Amino acid sequence: MGSFGGTSPRSTRSAKSRTSAAFAACQIAAAGDLLLTLPRSYALRMAALLPVAVQPLPLRLKPFPLLAYWHESRETDRAHQWVRERVASLVRGTAGVAV
């Protein structure tokens, strides 16, 4: 899933490639002279695997919500609750956000 080329109507950036897979995006960026924005923790892991440089953004971004969805039939499922609690704990610990 992706689209190539075009310019975003809200900026002057030109999108060369789009993908929903972060690792694929890292491989594309590593293969050329493209810029990719990622969470710092993931970018550092990718820098250990691929020939890329990790740099801070030259601007401050607004916080954004991180949401999770599941089917209502899993709301009271104990195993599902356990997984959701673990994921929320990990996100809080690595991203520094309220979940």
Protein backbone atom coordinates (compact mmCIF):
# COMPACT_ATOMS: atom_id res chain seq x y z
CA MET A 1 0.00 0.00 0.00
CA GLY A 2 1.54 3.30 -1.00
CA SER A 3 1.59 6.21 -3.37
CA PHE A 4 4.49 7.84 -5.12
CA GLY A 5 5.12 11.44 -6.12
CA GLY A 6 2.94 14.48 -5.52
CA THR A 7 3.13 17.40 -3.15
CA SER A 8 1.26 17.74 0.10
CA PRO A 9 -1.26 20.61 -0.03
CA ARG A 10 -0.20 21.75 3.46
CA SER A 11 3.52 22.05 2.85
CA THR A 12 6.19 22.44 0.25
CA ARG A 13 7.48 18.90 0.81
CA SER A 14 7.39 16.55 -2.11
CA ALA A 15 6.41 13.00 -1.12
CA LYS A 16 8.53 10.54 -3.07
CA SER A 17 7.08 7.44 -1.47
CA ARG A 18 4.48 6.44 1.10
CA THR A 19 4.16 3.18 2.96
CA SER A 20 2.36 1.94 6.04
CA ALA A 21 5.38 -0.20 6.99
CA ALA A 22 8.03 1.66 8.99
CA PHE A 23 10.81 -0.82 8.21
CA ALA A 24 10.12 -0.57 4.48
CA ALA A 25 10.26 3.22 4.77
CA CYS A 26 13.66 2.96 6.50
CA GLN A 27 14.98 0.71 3.74
CA ILE A 28 13.76 3.16 1.07
CA ALA A 29 15.41 6.09 2.85
CA ALA A 30 18.65 4.15 3.34
CA ALA A 31 18.82 3.34 -0.37
CA GLY A 32 18.72 6.97 -1.49
CA ASP A 33 18.93 10.59 -0.45
CA LEU A 34 15.49 10.78 1.17
CA LEU A 35 14.37 12.13 4.54
CA LEU A 36 12.13 10.12 6.86
CA THR A 37 10.57 11.13 10.18
CA LEU A 38 10.16 8.45 12.84
CA PRO A 39 9.93 8.15 16.61
CA ARG A 40 13.48 8.51 17.95
CA SER A 41 13.52 5.11 19.68
CA TYR A 42 12.64 3.31 16.44
CA ALA A 43 15.03 5.44 14.38
CA LEU A 44 17.92 4.53 16.70
CA ARG A 45 17.13 0.83 16.32
CA MET A 46 17.05 1.18 12.53
CA ALA A 47 20.35 3.09 12.54
CA ALA A 48 21.95 0.00 14.08
CA LEU A 49 20.74 -2.06 11.10
CA LEU A 50 20.84 0.32 8.15
CA PRO A 51 23.23 2.98 6.82
CA VAL A 52 21.21 5.98 8.04
CA ALA A 53 21.91 8.99 10.23
CA VAL A 54 19.53 9.99 13.03
CA GLN A 55 19.09 13.73 13.56
CA PRO A 56 16.60 15.70 15.69
CA LEU A 57 13.84 17.55 13.90
CA PRO A 58 14.59 21.25 13.43
CA LEU A 59 11.12 22.11 14.75
CA ARG A 60 8.87 21.26 17.68
CA LEU A 61 5.85 19.10 16.96
CA LYS A 62 2.54 19.30 18.78
CA PRO A 63 1.65 16.25 20.87
CA PHE A 64 -0.79 13.89 19.20
CA PRO A 65 -3.05 11.19 20.60
CA LEU A 66 -2.02 7.58 20.35
CA LEU A 67 -5.13 5.43 20.09
CA ALA A 68 -5.84 1.70 20.19
CA TYR A 69 -8.95 -0.05 18.99
CA TRP A 70 -10.35 -3.50 19.63
CA HIS A 71 -13.59 -5.34 19.09
CA GLU A 72 -16.13 -4.89 21.88
CA SER A 73 -16.24 -8.66 22.38
CA ARG A 74 -12.66 -8.45 23.73
CA GLU A 75 -13.39 -5.68 26.26
CA THR A 76 -13.71 -8.11 29.21
CA ASP A 77 -11.32 -10.78 27.90
CA ARG A 78 -8.63 -11.13 30.61
CA ALA A 79 -5.83 -12.01 28.22
CA HIS A 80 -6.73 -9.09 25.99
CA GLN A 81 -6.86 -6.74 28.98
CA TRP A 82 -3.42 -7.95 30.03
CA VAL A 83 -1.96 -7.25 26.57
CA ARG A 84 -3.57 -3.79 26.47
CA GLU A 85 -2.13 -2.94 29.90
CA ARG A 86 1.36 -4.10 28.83
CA VAL A 87 1.22 -2.08 25.60
CA ALA A 88 0.00 1.03 27.45
CA SER A 89 2.81 0.64 29.99
CA LEU A 90 5.43 0.31 27.26
CA VAL A 91 4.11 3.36 25.43
CA ARG A 92 4.12 5.43 28.61
CA GLY A 93 7.69 4.35 29.36
CA THR A 94 9.17 4.99 25.92
CA ALA A 95 7.17 7.90 24.55
CA GLY A 96 6.54 9.85 27.73
CA VAL A 97 2.85 10.27 26.96
CA ALA A 98 -0.29 9.83 29.00
CA VAL A 99 -2.31 6.84 27.83
